[in-house]
C-alpha atoms as a PDB file:
ATOM      1  CA  MET A   1      19.417  -1.476  82.146  1.00  0.00           C
ATOM      2  CA  GLU A   2      18.445   2.120  81.575  1.00  0.00           C
ATOM      3  CA  LYS A   3      17.615   3.086  77.996  1.00  0.00           C
ATOM      4  CA  THR A   4      18.836   6.490  76.913  1.00  0.00           C
ATOM      5  CA  ILE A   5      18.005   8.422  73.770  1.00  0.00           C
ATOM      6  CA  SER A   6      21.628   8.288  72.628  1.00  0.00           C
ATOM      7  CA  GLY A   7      21.663   4.524  73.231  1.00  0.00           C
ATOM      8  CA  MET A   8      18.489   4.035  71.192  1.00  0.00           C
ATOM      9  CA  LEU A   9      19.840   6.243  68.396  1.00  0.00           C
ATOM     10  CA  GLY A  10      22.989   4.135  68.356  1.00  0.00           C
ATOM     11  CA  VAL A  11      20.914   0.967  67.877  1.00  0.00           C
ATOM     12  CA  LEU A  12      18.887   2.608  65.097  1.00  0.00           C
ATOM     13  CA  TRP A  13      22.087   3.783  63.395  1.00  0.00           C
ATOM     14  CA  GLU A  14      23.432   0.220  63.413  1.00  0.00           C
ATOM     15  CA  VAL A  15      20.185  -1.072  61.870  1.00  0.00           C
ATOM     16  CA  PHE A  16      20.229   1.561  59.117  1.00  0.00           C
ATOM     17  CA  MET A  17      23.899   0.950  58.371  1.00  0.00           C
ATOM     18  CA  ASP A  18      22.939  -2.584  57.215  1.00  0.00           C
ATOM     19  CA  VAL A  19      20.549  -1.197  54.572  1.00  0.00           C
ATOM     20  CA  VAL A  20      21.726  -1.455  50.969  1.00  0.00           C
ATOM     21  CA  ILE A  21      20.668   1.450  48.749  1.00  0.00           C
ATOM     22  CA  GLU A  22      20.191   0.433  45.114  1.00  0.00           C
ATOM     23  CA  ASP A  23      19.652   2.242  41.804  1.00  0.00           C
ATOM     24  CA  GLY A  24      17.595   1.112  38.818  1.00  0.00           C
ATOM     25  CA  VAL A  25      15.142  -1.222  40.576  1.00  0.00           C
ATOM     26  CA  PRO A  26      11.788  -0.803  38.752  1.00  0.00           C
ATOM     27  CA  LEU A  27       8.698   0.020  40.799  1.00  0.00           C
ATOM     28  CA  PRO A  28       5.992  -2.658  40.336  1.00  0.00           C
ATOM     29  CA  GLY A  29       2.553  -1.530  39.158  1.00  0.00           C
ATOM     30  CA  ARG A  30      -0.286  -1.058  41.616  1.00  0.00           C
ATOM     31  CA  ARG A  31      -2.735  -3.853  42.212  1.00  0.00           C
ATOM     32  CA  THR A  32      -6.231  -2.422  42.119  1.00  0.00           C
ATOM     33  CA  GLU A  33      -8.204  -5.624  42.499  1.00  0.00           C
ATOM     34  CA  ARG A  34      -7.479  -9.113  43.720  1.00  0.00           C
ATOM     35  CA  LYS A  35      -9.269 -12.071  42.197  1.00  0.00           C
ATOM     36  CA  ASP A  36     -10.556 -13.218  45.596  1.00  0.00           C
ATOM     37  CA  TYR A  37     -12.131  -9.799  46.278  1.00  0.00           C
ATOM     38  CA  PRO A  38     -15.280  -9.559  44.105  1.00  0.00           C
ATOM     39  CA  HIS A  39     -16.250  -6.037  45.229  1.00  0.00           C
ATOM     40  CA  GLY A  40     -15.250  -4.292  41.978  1.00  0.00           C
ATOM     41  CA  ARG A  41     -17.343  -6.705  39.861  1.00  0.00           C
ATOM     42  CA  MET A  42     -20.563  -6.451  41.884  1.00  0.00           C
ATOM     43  CA  GLU A  43     -23.808  -4.815  40.782  1.00  0.00           C
ATOM     44  CA  VAL A  44     -26.178  -3.035  43.167  1.00  0.00           C
ATOM     45  CA  GLY A  45     -28.283  -5.639  45.012  1.00  0.00           C
ATOM     46  CA  GLN A  46     -25.737  -8.457  44.715  1.00  0.00           C
ATOM     47  CA  SER A  47     -24.071 -10.024  47.758  1.00  0.00           C
ATOM     48  CA  PHE A  48     -21.574 -12.692  48.725  1.00  0.00           C
ATOM     49  CA  LEU A  49     -20.875 -14.787  51.809  1.00  0.00           C
ATOM     50  CA  SER A  50     -17.408 -14.500  53.353  1.00  0.00           C
ATOM     51  CA  GLN A  51     -15.608 -16.608  55.938  1.00  0.00           C
ATOM     52  CA  ARG A  52     -13.466 -13.650  57.100  1.00  0.00           C
ATOM     53  CA  ASP A  53     -14.248 -12.107  60.471  1.00  0.00           C
ATOM     54  CA  TYR A  54     -16.679  -9.181  60.619  1.00  0.00           C
ATOM     55  CA  ALA A  55     -14.068  -6.492  61.404  1.00  0.00           C
ATOM     56  CA  SER A  56     -11.782  -7.528  58.533  1.00  0.00           C
ATOM     57  CA  GLU A  57     -14.620  -7.756  56.023  1.00  0.00           C
ATOM     58  CA  SER A  58     -16.041  -4.384  57.108  1.00  0.00           C
ATOM     59  CA  ALA A  59     -12.667  -2.682  56.714  1.00  0.00           C
ATOM     60  CA  LEU A  60     -12.150  -4.336  53.325  1.00  0.00           C
ATOM     61  CA  ALA A  61     -15.625  -3.323  52.113  1.00  0.00           C
ATOM     62  CA  TYR A  62     -14.922   0.276  53.137  1.00  0.00           C
ATOM     63  CA  ARG A  63     -11.570   0.345  51.308  1.00  0.00           C
ATOM     64  CA  MET A  64     -12.965  -1.320  48.186  1.00  0.00           C
ATOM     65  CA  GLY A  65     -15.915   1.063  48.202  1.00  0.00           C
ATOM     66  CA  LYS A  66     -13.560   4.053  48.230  1.00  0.00           C
ATOM     67  CA  LEU A  67     -11.400   2.487  45.506  1.00  0.00           C
ATOM     68  CA  HIS A  68     -14.303   1.642  43.167  1.00  0.00           C
ATOM     69  CA  GLY A  69     -16.735   4.463  44.083  1.00  0.00           C
ATOM     70  CA  MET A  70     -19.269   2.017  45.529  1.00  0.00           C
ATOM     71  CA  LYS A  71     -21.038   1.443  48.852  1.00  0.00           C
ATOM     72  CA  PHE A  72     -21.333  -1.834  50.725  1.00  0.00           C
ATOM     73  CA  SER A  73     -23.161  -3.113  53.802  1.00  0.00           C
ATOM     74  CA  VAL A  74     -21.740  -5.924  55.914  1.00  0.00           C
ATOM     75  CA  ARG A  75     -23.742  -8.088  58.321  1.00  0.00           C
ATOM     76  CA  LYS A  76     -23.047 -11.156  60.423  1.00  0.00           C
ATOM     77  CA  VAL A  77     -25.265 -13.998  59.207  1.00  0.00           C
ATOM     78  CA  GLU A  78     -25.506 -17.719  59.777  1.00  0.00           C
ATOM     79  CA  GLY A  79     -22.496 -19.271  58.096  1.00  0.00           C
ATOM     80  CA  GLY A  80     -20.228 -16.198  58.107  1.00  0.00           C
ATOM     81  CA  VAL A  81     -20.387 -12.566  57.056  1.00  0.00           C
ATOM     82  CA  ARG A  82     -22.446 -11.340  54.099  1.00  0.00           C
ATOM     83  CA  VAL A  83     -21.494  -8.280  52.034  1.00  0.00           C
ATOM     84  CA  TRP A  84     -24.087  -6.458  49.915  1.00  0.00           C
ATOM     85  CA  ARG A  85     -23.414  -3.759  47.331  1.00  0.00           C
ATOM     86  CA  THR A  86     -25.887  -0.986  48.148  1.00  0.00           C
ATOM     87  CA  ALA A  87     -24.832   1.815  45.777  1.00  0.00           C
END
């Protein structure tokens, strides 16, 4: 079956036609810190051990550092991944 642009647009149109547009739904507030993410409460020199994988913890440390104006270092260690606040 050959897919054409007009055929794909038709499918997209059908999907969007099922969307209900509403008024007066309040926007929830932003979450700036989760209780299981201690980054915002850390002092320079403190660290914690995480069971998340290295890539996830590195990305999270980067995002939390930008959010809180801090710097973190992440290393694989025995027992998991350790995150240090460095600045």
